[in-house]
Amino acid sequence: MKILLTGSNSQVGFELQKKLSLLGKVIATDREELDLTNPDAIRVFIDQTRPDIIINPAAYTLVDKAESEIDLAYLINVSAPEVLASMSRELDIPLIHFSTDYVFDGLKKGAYVETDQTNPQSVYGKTKCEGEEKVRTHEKHIILRTSWVFGVHGNNFLKTMLRFFKEKDSLNIVGDQWGSPASASMLSDVTFKIVGTIFKNKNFNDYGTYHVTSDGETNWFEYASLIASELIKLNVKIKCGPDKIRPILTSEYPTAAKRPLNSRLNCEKLKKTFVLELPHWELEVKKVLREII
């Protein structure tokens, strides 16, 4: 099996490259091998490599910068998925595409299900939402919406906090945005199971949109407090402990792009379809923290 993987240097792409090699030959590409801002280059590359499946974790993810780099965000988050879907349809192969909680406005009280109305509030969210629609033009698609991604590789909240706790005496962290952190390694495990299921079951027909995050829920303040407490348990010297972290409101921390207050995603459809158990977010954070240290 030949697996074309975009964004191999991203958080999720890095983990996918390792995991998917157990299933077949991974054609791992970053921006040097495959320029996702160039639709023609994407077509030529896919035509030359003729993969059996395409997996697309690559995205423009600089949420605040996207407000001013609209064209670039559109190219990577909308135009590229459109070409990937078109080429997948031409080759009659499956396409797995990663998306985000930012396609919702965050105003729902409970966890979002896949059929809830999208209403993105930022350029990033709007481009990811439009990218989903492009992917859906190909019948054999799976869209995996996730949230608050973190891992050993790349930049993320966990690694930023690790640095801040060593450098700063106190921290103000937003406490009214709720969701569930998803580890890149967990997302790669889930993708591995999905790809295996598709190719083992010749009659597979459960294509569509799925939500995937860790079990449990938290907010950024509680998430940061757990990291600080765990660092102390691991005997890491820090200046800012849990007692020096103060929760603040989103309104006290203005950003260029609007963040959803509710990023909770209901993952029951994924669990049921692919017979999966998802780990609790706290266990994943502790595991990745130990790996980093």
Protein backbone atom coordinates (compact mmCIF):
# COMPACT_ATOMS: atom_id res chain seq x y z
CA MET A 1 0.00 0.00 0.00
CA LYS A 2 1.28 3.48 -0.92
CA ILE A 3 0.18 6.21 1.50
CA LEU A 4 0.61 9.85 0.51
CA LEU A 5 1.02 11.94 3.66
CA THR A 6 1.04 15.74 3.58
CA GLY A 7 2.43 17.94 6.34
CA SER A 8 4.87 15.30 7.57
CA ASN A 9 6.63 17.90 9.72
CA SER A 10 3.44 18.98 11.50
CA GLN A 11 2.50 17.69 14.97
CA VAL A 12 0.10 15.06 13.63
CA GLY A 13 2.05 14.38 10.43
CA PHE A 14 5.19 13.60 12.42
CA GLU A 15 3.38 10.90 14.43
CA LEU A 16 1.49 9.60 11.38
CA GLN A 17 4.69 9.07 9.43
CA LYS A 18 5.98 6.70 12.14
CA LYS A 19 2.70 4.86 12.71
CA LEU A 20 1.57 4.42 9.10
CA SER A 21 4.88 2.86 8.05
CA LEU A 22 3.52 -0.31 9.69
CA LEU A 23 0.80 -0.45 7.00
CA GLY A 24 2.81 0.25 3.87
CA LYS A 25 5.10 2.66 2.08
CA VAL A 26 4.59 6.22 3.32
CA ILE A 27 5.29 8.97 0.80
CA ALA A 28 5.89 11.65 3.45
CA THR A 29 5.87 15.22 2.17
CA ASP A 30 6.47 18.59 3.78
CA ARG A 31 6.33 21.97 2.03
CA GLU A 32 9.62 21.35 0.21
CA GLU A 33 8.45 18.10 -1.43
CA LEU A 34 4.88 19.21 -2.00
CA ASP A 35 3.93 22.89 -2.21
CA LEU A 36 0.30 23.01 -1.11
CA THR A 37 0.01 26.61 -2.30
CA ASN A 38 0.47 25.38 -5.89
CA PRO A 39 -2.55 23.41 -7.18
CA ASP A 40 -0.78 22.36 -10.40
CA ALA A 41 2.22 21.01 -8.44
CA ILE A 42 -0.15 18.96 -6.26
CA ARG A 43 -1.82 17.41 -9.33
CA VAL A 44 1.52 16.53 -10.96
CA PHE A 45 2.90 15.02 -7.74
CA ILE A 46 -0.14 12.80 -7.17
CA ASP A 47 -0.21 11.76 -10.82
CA GLN A 48 3.45 10.72 -10.60
CA THR A 49 3.22 8.87 -7.24
CA ARG A 50 -0.22 7.20 -7.74
CA PRO A 51 -0.94 6.55 -4.05
CA ASP A 52 -3.56 4.11 -2.72
CA ILE A 53 -4.76 6.62 -0.11
CA ILE A 54 -4.11 10.29 0.72
CA ILE A 55 -3.93 11.56 4.30
CA ASN A 56 -3.96 15.32 4.78
CA PRO A 57 -3.08 16.69 8.24
CA ALA A 58 -1.37 19.72 6.63
CA ALA A 59 -3.07 23.06 7.23
CA TYR A 60 -2.47 26.75 7.74
CA THR A 61 -2.93 26.82 11.55
CA LEU A 62 -1.63 30.27 12.60
CA VAL A 63 -5.06 31.30 13.88
CA ASP A 64 -4.35 34.98 14.56
CA LYS A 65 -2.02 35.51 11.59
CA ALA A 66 -4.69 34.07 9.27
CA GLU A 67 -6.74 37.23 9.91
CA SER A 68 -4.17 39.15 7.84
CA GLU A 69 -2.84 36.31 5.62
CA ILE A 70 -6.23 35.42 4.20
CA ASP A 71 -5.04 34.42 0.73
CA LEU A 72 -2.36 32.06 2.05
CA ALA A 73 -4.77 30.45 4.53
CA TYR A 74 -7.27 29.99 1.69
CA LEU A 75 -4.71 28.37 -0.61
CA ILE A 76 -3.62 25.79 1.98
CA ASN A 77 -6.94 25.17 3.76
CA VAL A 78 -9.36 25.35 0.81
CA SER A 79 -7.63 25.14 -2.58
CA ALA A 80 -5.26 22.31 -1.62
CA PRO A 81 -8.01 20.05 -0.17
CA GLU A 82 -10.08 20.74 -3.29
CA VAL A 83 -7.25 19.42 -5.50
CA LEU A 84 -6.63 16.46 -3.16
CA ALA A 85 -10.33 15.55 -3.36
CA SER A 86 -10.36 15.94 -7.15
CA MET A 87 -7.29 13.72 -7.60
CA SER A 88 -8.60 11.15 -5.09
CA ARG A 89 -11.84 10.98 -7.07
CA GLU A 90 -9.88 10.58 -10.31
CA LEU A 91 -7.81 7.70 -8.85
CA ASP A 92 -10.83 6.30 -6.94
CA ILE A 93 -8.89 6.22 -3.63
CA PRO A 94 -9.86 7.25 -0.06
CA LEU A 95 -8.95 10.68 1.33
CA ILE A 96 -8.56 11.33 5.07
CA HIS A 97 -8.59 15.03 5.93
CA PHE A 98 -8.09 16.70 9.32
CA SER A 99 -10.29 19.59 10.43
CA THR A 100 -11.02 21.56 13.58
CA ASP A 101 -13.45 22.64 16.28
CA TYR A 102 -13.09 26.19 14.88
CA VAL A 103 -15.75 25.36 12.26
CA PHE A 104 -18.26 25.94 15.12
CA ASP A 105 -19.06 29.22 16.87
CA GLY A 106 -18.66 27.74 20.35
CA LEU A 107 -22.08 28.88 21.56
CA LYS A 108 -23.67 25.44 22.04
CA LYS A 109 -24.11 24.33 25.66
CA GLY A 110 -23.12 20.68 25.21
CA ALA A 111 -20.61 18.80 23.05
CA TYR A 112 -20.89 19.29 19.30
CA VAL A 113 -21.97 16.33 17.16
CA GLU A 114 -20.99 15.93 13.51
CA THR A 115 -24.38 17.09 12.19
CA ASP A 116 -24.45 20.38 14.15
CA GLN A 117 -24.59 23.56 12.09
CA THR A 118 -21.16 25.06 11.40
CA ASN A 119 -20.67 28.78 12.00
CA PRO A 120 -16.96 29.67 12.01
CA GLN A 121 -15.99 33.01 13.57
CA SER A 122 -12.43 33.43 12.27
CA VAL A 123 -10.59 33.31 8.94
CA TYR A 124 -8.92 30.08 10.06
CA GLY A 125 -12.29 28.53 10.96
CA LYS A 126 -13.93 29.74 7.75
CA THR A 127 -11.17 28.34 5.53
CA LYS A 128 -11.19 25.00 7.35
CA CYS A 129 -14.98 24.84 7.04
CA GLU A 130 -14.84 25.58 3.31
CA GLY A 131 -12.04 23.02 2.96
CA GLU A 132 -14.35 20.39 4.45
CA GLU A 133 -16.95 21.15 1.78
CA LYS A 134 -14.35 20.69 -0.95
CA VAL A 135 -13.33 17.31 0.53
CA ARG A 136 -16.99 16.20 0.61
CA THR A 137 -17.18 16.45 -3.18
CA HIS A 138 -15.30 13.11 -3.17
CA GLU A 139 -17.47 10.26 -1.94
CA LYS A 140 -14.61 8.25 -0.36
CA HIS A 141 -13.65 10.83 2.25
CA ILE A 142 -13.17 10.85 5.99
CA ILE A 143 -12.97 14.20 7.77
CA LEU A 144 -11.54 14.06 11.30
CA ARG A 145 -12.40 17.14 13.34
CA THR A 146 -10.19 17.54 16.39
CA SER A 147 -9.18 20.19 18.92
CA TRP A 148 -6.34 21.53 21.08
CA VAL A 149 -3.67 19.32 19.47
CA PHE A 150 -0.40 18.75 21.32
CA GLY A 151 2.58 16.43 21.04
CA VAL A 152 6.32 15.94 21.41
CA HIS A 153 6.98 17.47 17.97
CA GLY A 154 6.10 21.02 16.92
CA ASN A 155 4.66 24.01 18.78
CA ASN A 156 1.70 23.69 21.13
CA PHE A 157 0.21 24.89 24.41
CA LEU A 158 1.87 22.19 26.52
CA LYS A 159 5.37 23.07 25.28
CA THR A 160 4.71 26.80 25.62
CA MET A 161 3.61 26.30 29.24
CA LEU A 162 6.68 24.18 29.93
CA ARG A 163 8.84 27.12 28.86
CA PHE A 164 6.77 29.75 30.68
CA PHE A 165 6.80 27.87 33.99
CA LYS A 166 10.60 27.94 33.91
CA GLU A 167 10.82 31.62 32.91
CA LYS A 168 7.92 33.48 34.56
CA ASP A 169 6.99 34.13 38.19
CA SER A 170 3.22 34.10 37.55
CA LEU A 171 0.76 33.49 34.72
CA ASN A 172 -2.75 34.53 33.71
CA ILE A 173 -4.49 31.76 31.75
CA VAL A 174 -7.93 31.82 30.11
CA GLY A 175 -10.40 29.76 32.14
CA ASP A 176 -13.69 30.09 30.23
CA GLN A 177 -12.82 28.21 27.01
CA TRP A 178 -13.71 24.52 27.31
CA GLY A 179 -12.57 21.55 25.26
CA SER A 180 -10.43 18.43 25.29
CA PRO A 181 -6.73 18.33 24.34
CA ALA A 182 -5.95 15.75 21.65
CA SER A 183 -2.46 14.25 21.50
CA ALA A 184 -0.87 13.82 18.08
CA SER A 185 0.05 10.24 18.99
CA MET A 186 -3.58 9.42 19.84
CA LEU A 187 -4.70 10.94 16.51
CA SER A 188 -2.14 8.81 14.67
CA ASP A 189 -3.39 5.66 16.46
CA VAL A 190 -6.97 6.48 15.45
CA THR A 191 -5.96 7.15 11.83
CA PHE A 192 -4.01 3.88 11.77
CA LYS A 193 -7.16 2.01 12.87
CA ILE A 194 -9.31 3.79 10.26
CA VAL A 195 -6.89 3.10 7.38
CA GLY A 196 -6.60 -0.55 8.45
CA THR A 197 -10.39 -0.86 8.59
CA ILE A 198 -10.88 0.69 5.14
CA PHE A 199 -8.44 -1.67 3.44
CA LYS A 200 -9.40 -4.84 5.35
CA ASN A 201 -13.09 -4.36 4.65
CA LYS A 202 -13.67 -4.36 0.89
CA ASN A 203 -17.28 -3.31 1.50
CA PHE A 204 -16.33 -0.36 3.74
CA ASN A 205 -18.91 2.37 3.35
CA ASP A 206 -18.69 4.41 6.57
CA TYR A 207 -17.20 7.48 4.92
CA GLY A 208 -18.08 10.91 6.28
CA THR A 209 -17.25 13.32 9.11
CA TYR A 210 -16.08 12.21 12.57
CA HIS A 211 -15.08 13.97 15.77
CA VAL A 212 -11.95 12.78 17.58
CA THR A 213 -10.51 14.17 20.82
CA SER A 214 -9.42 12.63 24.09
CA ASP A 215 -12.00 11.66 26.70
CA GLY A 216 -12.90 14.18 29.40
CA GLU A 217 -12.97 17.97 29.24
CA THR A 218 -11.06 20.89 30.69
CA ASN A 219 -10.26 24.57 30.19
CA TRP A 220 -6.89 26.21 29.49
CA PHE A 221 -6.44 27.24 33.16
CA GLU A 222 -7.05 23.71 34.47
CA TYR A 223 -4.86 22.29 31.69
CA ALA A 224 -1.99 24.62 32.65
CA SER A 225 -2.43 23.81 36.35
CA LEU A 226 -2.15 20.09 35.62
CA ILE A 227 1.07 20.66 33.65
CA ALA A 228 2.60 22.67 36.51
CA SER A 229 1.62 20.05 39.11
CA GLU A 230 3.04 17.26 36.96
CA LEU A 231 6.33 19.12 36.47
CA ILE A 232 6.74 19.35 40.23
CA LYS A 233 6.10 15.59 40.55
CA LEU A 234 8.75 15.00 37.88
CA ASN A 235 11.25 17.13 39.85
CA VAL A 236 11.51 19.74 37.10
CA LYS A 237 12.64 23.09 38.50
CA ILE A 238 10.01 25.76 37.75
CA LYS A 239 9.51 29.37 38.90
CA CYS A 240 5.73 29.42 38.47
CA GLY A 241 3.80 26.71 40.33
CA PRO A 242 0.05 25.97 40.26
CA ASP A 243 -0.54 28.49 43.07
CA LYS A 244 0.79 31.31 40.88
CA ILE A 245 -1.56 30.71 37.95
CA ARG A 246 -4.65 32.95 37.80
CA PRO A 247 -7.72 32.18 35.70
CA ILE A 248 -8.94 35.04 33.48
CA LEU A 249 -11.81 35.53 31.05
CA THR A 250 -11.39 35.44 27.27
CA SER A 251 -12.50 39.08 27.27
CA GLU A 252 -9.41 39.93 29.36
CA TYR A 253 -7.10 38.40 26.74
CA PRO A 254 -7.99 39.94 23.36
CA THR A 255 -6.68 38.19 20.22
CA ALA A 256 -6.90 38.98 16.50
CA ALA A 257 -9.05 35.89 15.87
CA LYS A 258 -12.12 34.98 17.89
CA ARG A 259 -11.83 31.68 19.83
CA PRO A 260 -14.80 29.36 20.48
CA LEU A 261 -15.75 29.30 24.18
CA ASN A 262 -17.03 25.73 23.72
CA SER A 263 -14.77 23.35 21.77
CA ARG A 264 -16.27 20.15 23.18
CA LEU A 265 -16.64 17.48 20.49
CA ASN A 266 -18.82 14.38 20.89
CA CYS A 267 -16.81 11.36 19.66
CA GLU A 268 -19.44 8.60 20.05
CA LYS A 269 -19.89 8.16 16.28
CA LEU A 270 -16.16 7.47 15.83
CA LYS A 271 -16.00 5.09 18.81
CA LYS A 272 -18.99 3.10 17.61
CA THR A 273 -18.05 2.92 13.91
CA PHE A 274 -14.41 1.93 14.39
CA VAL A 275 -14.78 0.14 17.77
CA LEU A 276 -12.41 2.52 19.53
CA GLU A 277 -11.67 3.56 23.07
CA LEU A 278 -10.16 7.03 23.46
CA PRO A 279 -7.73 7.80 26.31
CA HIS A 280 -8.43 10.49 28.92
CA TRP A 281 -6.77 13.82 28.16
CA GLU A 282 -4.94 13.92 31.51
CA LEU A 283 -3.22 10.58 30.85
CA GLU A 284 -2.14 11.76 27.40
CA VAL A 285 -0.76 15.05 28.74
CA LYS A 286 1.23 13.24 31.44
CA LYS A 287 2.57 10.74 28.91
CA VAL A 288 3.69 13.39 26.39
CA LEU A 289 5.17 15.56 29.16
CA ARG A 290 7.33 12.66 30.31
CA GLU A 291 8.47 12.03 26.72
CA ILE A 292 9.43 15.70 26.27
CA ILE A 293 11.35 15.81 29.54
